[in-house]
């Protein structure tokens, strides 16, 4: 028996749509490629801005493995990638906030505004421990 929280860690089985030839994801939505499915469906990000560079950055972070333990992602390598890609980091943060419904945007993520929930998050402020430290 697979635990429910592990269900999303399994490999995805793709099919081709008979009519269009496009990749059909597990939810039945079609995409141009498997990579597009991962970006739009798995990462849950939209296609404005520079999705190819954001996607490549995320894959590079996932590939930044420890030299000693190849199954472990090396956080220091990810930090180096982040330091070298601050523009993409900013765009990814905007996409992420959008996917969380804290901001929304018009034709580009570069022109975003807070949703009511985003305003509420700001009003509530940062998490603090028992002693009031953030």
C-alpha atoms as a PDB file:
ATOM      1  CA  UNK A   1       0.000   0.000   0.000  1.00  0.00           C
ATOM      2  CA  UNK A   2       1.322   3.435  -0.968  1.00  0.00           C
ATOM      3  CA  UNK A   3       0.876   6.173   1.589  1.00  0.00           C
ATOM      4  CA  UNK A   4      -1.224   9.033   0.153  1.00  0.00           C
ATOM      5  CA  UNK A   5       1.535  11.635   0.583  1.00  0.00           C
ATOM      6  CA  UNK A   6       3.898   9.477  -1.499  1.00  0.00           C
ATOM      7  CA  UNK A   7       1.474   9.169  -4.423  1.00  0.00           C
ATOM      8  CA  UNK A   8       2.783  12.377  -6.035  1.00  0.00           C
ATOM      9  CA  UNK A   9       6.376  11.141  -5.884  1.00  0.00           C
ATOM     10  CA  UNK A  10       5.856   8.379  -8.434  1.00  0.00           C
ATOM     11  CA  UNK A  11       6.930   8.724 -12.060  1.00  0.00           C
ATOM     12  CA  UNK A  12       4.264  10.110 -14.383  1.00  0.00           C
ATOM     13  CA  UNK A  13       2.903   7.962 -17.200  1.00  0.00           C
ATOM     14  CA  UNK A  14       2.294  10.048 -20.312  1.00  0.00           C
ATOM     15  CA  UNK A  15       0.102   9.201 -23.271  1.00  0.00           C
ATOM     16  CA  UNK A  16      -0.359  10.874 -26.652  1.00  0.00           C
ATOM     17  CA  UNK A  17      -3.669  12.405 -27.618  1.00  0.00           C
ATOM     18  CA  UNK A  18      -4.906  10.455 -30.654  1.00  0.00           C
ATOM     19  CA  UNK A  19      -6.305  13.505 -32.444  1.00  0.00           C
ATOM     20  CA  UNK A  20      -3.648  16.154 -31.809  1.00  0.00           C
ATOM     21  CA  UNK A  21      -0.570  14.015 -31.104  1.00  0.00           C
ATOM     22  CA  UNK A  22       0.095  16.197 -28.053  1.00  0.00           C
ATOM     23  CA  UNK A  23       1.249  14.809 -24.711  1.00  0.00           C
ATOM     24  CA  UNK A  24      -1.652  13.995 -22.427  1.00  0.00           C
ATOM     25  CA  UNK A  25      -0.960  14.399 -18.713  1.00  0.00           C
ATOM     26  CA  UNK A  26      -2.541  12.221 -16.018  1.00  0.00           C
ATOM     27  CA  UNK A  27      -5.331  14.792 -15.604  1.00  0.00           C
ATOM     28  CA  UNK A  28      -6.203  14.568 -19.323  1.00  0.00           C
ATOM     29  CA  UNK A  29      -4.888  18.055 -20.178  1.00  0.00           C
ATOM     30  CA  UNK A  30      -2.691  18.136 -23.278  1.00  0.00           C
ATOM     31  CA  UNK A  31       0.689  19.844 -23.637  1.00  0.00           C
ATOM     32  CA  UNK A  32       3.240  20.246 -26.416  1.00  0.00           C
ATOM     33  CA  UNK A  33       5.906  18.234 -24.538  1.00  0.00           C
ATOM     34  CA  UNK A  34       6.495  16.315 -21.327  1.00  0.00           C
ATOM     35  CA  UNK A  35       8.680  19.221 -20.178  1.00  0.00           C
ATOM     36  CA  UNK A  36       5.765  21.614 -20.650  1.00  0.00           C
ATOM     37  CA  UNK A  37       3.581  19.335 -18.529  1.00  0.00           C
ATOM     38  CA  UNK A  38       6.122  19.415 -15.699  1.00  0.00           C
ATOM     39  CA  UNK A  39       6.393  23.197 -15.819  1.00  0.00           C
ATOM     40  CA  UNK A  40       2.709  24.053 -16.059  1.00  0.00           C
ATOM     41  CA  UNK A  41       1.132  21.152 -14.180  1.00  0.00           C
ATOM     42  CA  UNK A  42       3.700  19.897 -11.665  1.00  0.00           C
ATOM     43  CA  UNK A  43       5.334  23.231 -10.847  1.00  0.00           C
ATOM     44  CA  UNK A  44       1.991  25.003 -11.318  1.00  0.00           C
ATOM     45  CA  UNK A  45       3.505  28.090 -12.944  1.00  0.00           C
ATOM     46  CA  UNK A  46       2.085  30.212 -15.743  1.00  0.00           C
ATOM     47  CA  UNK A  47       3.655  30.846 -19.136  1.00  0.00           C
ATOM     48  CA  UNK A  48       4.306  34.578 -19.010  1.00  0.00           C
ATOM     49  CA  UNK A  49       7.731  36.116 -18.537  1.00  0.00           C
ATOM     50  CA  UNK A  50      10.507  33.696 -19.432  1.00  0.00           C
ATOM     51  CA  UNK A  51       9.166  30.224 -18.543  1.00  0.00           C
ATOM     52  CA  UNK A  52      11.977  28.425 -20.382  1.00  0.00           C
ATOM     53  CA  UNK A  53      14.654  30.084 -18.225  1.00  0.00           C
ATOM     54  CA  UNK A  54      12.664  29.605 -15.003  1.00  0.00           C
ATOM     55  CA  UNK A  55      12.132  25.932 -15.846  1.00  0.00           C
ATOM     56  CA  UNK A  56      15.817  25.444 -16.691  1.00  0.00           C
ATOM     57  CA  UNK A  57      16.800  27.108 -13.405  1.00  0.00           C
ATOM     58  CA  UNK A  58      14.506  24.810 -11.400  1.00  0.00           C
ATOM     59  CA  UNK A  59      15.903  21.750 -13.175  1.00  0.00           C
ATOM     60  CA  UNK A  60      19.457  22.952 -12.522  1.00  0.00           C
ATOM     61  CA  UNK A  61      18.608  23.275  -8.822  1.00  0.00           C
ATOM     62  CA  UNK A  62      17.260  19.728  -8.812  1.00  0.00           C
ATOM     63  CA  UNK A  63      20.417  18.509 -10.576  1.00  0.00           C
ATOM     64  CA  UNK A  64      22.754  20.251  -8.087  1.00  0.00           C
ATOM     65  CA  UNK A  65      23.594  17.055  -6.277  1.00  0.00           C
ATOM     66  CA  UNK A  66      26.136  16.349  -3.608  1.00  0.00           C
ATOM     67  CA  UNK A  67      29.444  14.989  -4.900  1.00  0.00           C
ATOM     68  CA  UNK A  68      29.602  12.652  -1.918  1.00  0.00           C
ATOM     69  CA  UNK A  69      25.938  11.592  -1.834  1.00  0.00           C
ATOM     70  CA  UNK A  70      24.493  11.713  -5.384  1.00  0.00           C
ATOM     71  CA  UNK A  71      20.862  11.340  -4.243  1.00  0.00           C
ATOM     72  CA  UNK A  72      21.080  14.434  -2.033  1.00  0.00           C
ATOM     73  CA  UNK A  73      20.639  17.952  -3.412  1.00  0.00           C
ATOM     74  CA  UNK A  74      23.557  20.134  -2.346  1.00  0.00           C
ATOM     75  CA  UNK A  75      22.084  23.315  -0.872  1.00  0.00           C
ATOM     76  CA  UNK A  76      25.381  25.181  -1.300  1.00  0.00           C
ATOM     77  CA  UNK A  77      25.294  24.462  -5.032  1.00  0.00           C
ATOM     78  CA  UNK A  78      21.703  25.690  -5.157  1.00  0.00           C
ATOM     79  CA  UNK A  79      22.738  28.851  -3.284  1.00  0.00           C
ATOM     80  CA  UNK A  80      25.476  29.433  -5.879  1.00  0.00           C
ATOM     81  CA  UNK A  81      22.946  28.983  -8.707  1.00  0.00           C
ATOM     82  CA  UNK A  82      20.613  31.434  -6.950  1.00  0.00           C
ATOM     83  CA  UNK A  83      23.380  34.013  -6.544  1.00  0.00           C
ATOM     84  CA  UNK A  84      24.151  33.765 -10.266  1.00  0.00           C
ATOM     85  CA  UNK A  85      20.494  33.996 -11.371  1.00  0.00           C
ATOM     86  CA  UNK A  86      18.851  36.724  -9.280  1.00  0.00           C
ATOM     87  CA  UNK A  87      16.580  37.895 -12.137  1.00  0.00           C
ATOM     88  CA  UNK A  88      15.175  34.387 -12.593  1.00  0.00           C
ATOM     89  CA  UNK A  89      14.818  33.993  -8.816  1.00  0.00           C
ATOM     90  CA  UNK A  90      12.709  37.160  -8.711  1.00  0.00           C
ATOM     91  CA  UNK A  91      10.537  35.925 -11.586  1.00  0.00           C
ATOM     92  CA  UNK A  92      10.143  32.496  -9.948  1.00  0.00           C
ATOM     93  CA  UNK A  93       9.074  34.122  -6.670  1.00  0.00           C
ATOM     94  CA  UNK A  94       6.429  36.115  -8.525  1.00  0.00           C
ATOM     95  CA  UNK A  95       5.192  32.966 -10.303  1.00  0.00           C
ATOM     96  CA  UNK A  96       5.136  31.079  -6.993  1.00  0.00           C
ATOM     97  CA  UNK A  97       3.166  33.813  -5.210  1.00  0.00           C
ATOM     98  CA  UNK A  98       0.753  33.823  -8.150  1.00  0.00           C
ATOM     99  CA  UNK A  99       0.324  30.037  -7.947  1.00  0.00           C
ATOM    100  CA  UNK A 100      -0.483  30.455  -4.228  1.00  0.00           C
ATOM    101  CA  UNK A 101      -3.173  33.040  -5.092  1.00  0.00           C
ATOM    102  CA  UNK A 102      -1.379  35.731  -3.061  1.00  0.00           C
ATOM    103  CA  UNK A 103      -0.831  37.909  -6.125  1.00  0.00           C
ATOM    104  CA  UNK A 104      -2.327  38.039  -9.596  1.00  0.00           C
ATOM    105  CA  UNK A 105      -1.251  39.689 -12.802  1.00  0.00           C
ATOM    106  CA  UNK A 106      -2.400  40.852 -16.182  1.00  0.00           C
ATOM    107  CA  UNK A 107      -0.469  39.994 -19.323  1.00  0.00           C
ATOM    108  CA  UNK A 108       2.839  39.567 -17.457  1.00  0.00           C
ATOM    109  CA  UNK A 109       3.959  38.504 -14.018  1.00  0.00           C
ATOM    110  CA  UNK A 110       6.092  41.665 -14.024  1.00  0.00           C
ATOM    111  CA  UNK A 111       2.899  43.663 -13.503  1.00  0.00           C
ATOM    112  CA  UNK A 112       1.453  41.911 -10.441  1.00  0.00           C
ATOM    113  CA  UNK A 113      -0.752  43.085  -7.603  1.00  0.00           C
ATOM    114  CA  UNK A 114      -1.846  41.658  -4.275  1.00  0.00           C
ATOM    115  CA  UNK A 115      -5.037  39.650  -3.963  1.00  0.00           C
ATOM    116  CA  UNK A 116      -7.198  40.049  -0.852  1.00  0.00           C
ATOM    117  CA  UNK A 117      -5.511  36.938   0.551  1.00  0.00           C
ATOM    118  CA  UNK A 118      -2.085  38.455  -0.198  1.00  0.00           C
ATOM    119  CA  UNK A 119      -3.113  41.635   1.641  1.00  0.00           C
ATOM    120  CA  UNK A 120      -4.244  39.483   4.554  1.00  0.00           C
ATOM    121  CA  UNK A 121      -0.880  37.673   4.634  1.00  0.00           C
ATOM    122  CA  UNK A 122       0.907  41.036   4.869  1.00  0.00           C
ATOM    123  CA  UNK A 123      -1.450  42.230   7.608  1.00  0.00           C
ATOM    124  CA  UNK A 124      -0.828  39.069   9.640  1.00  0.00           C
ATOM    125  CA  UNK A 125       2.935  39.470   9.253  1.00  0.00           C
ATOM    126  CA  UNK A 126       5.799  36.999   9.655  1.00  0.00           C
ATOM    127  CA  UNK A 127       5.737  33.880  11.824  1.00  0.00           C
ATOM    128  CA  UNK A 128       7.321  34.244  15.238  1.00  0.00           C
ATOM    129  CA  UNK A 129       8.450  31.723  17.793  1.00  0.00           C
ATOM    130  CA  UNK A 130       7.184  31.555  21.395  1.00  0.00           C
ATOM    131  CA  UNK A 131       9.523  34.386  22.391  1.00  0.00           C
ATOM    132  CA  UNK A 132       8.278  36.660  19.621  1.00  0.00           C
ATOM    133  CA  UNK A 133      11.369  36.267  17.415  1.00  0.00           C
ATOM    134  CA  UNK A 134      10.932  36.008  13.638  1.00  0.00           C
END
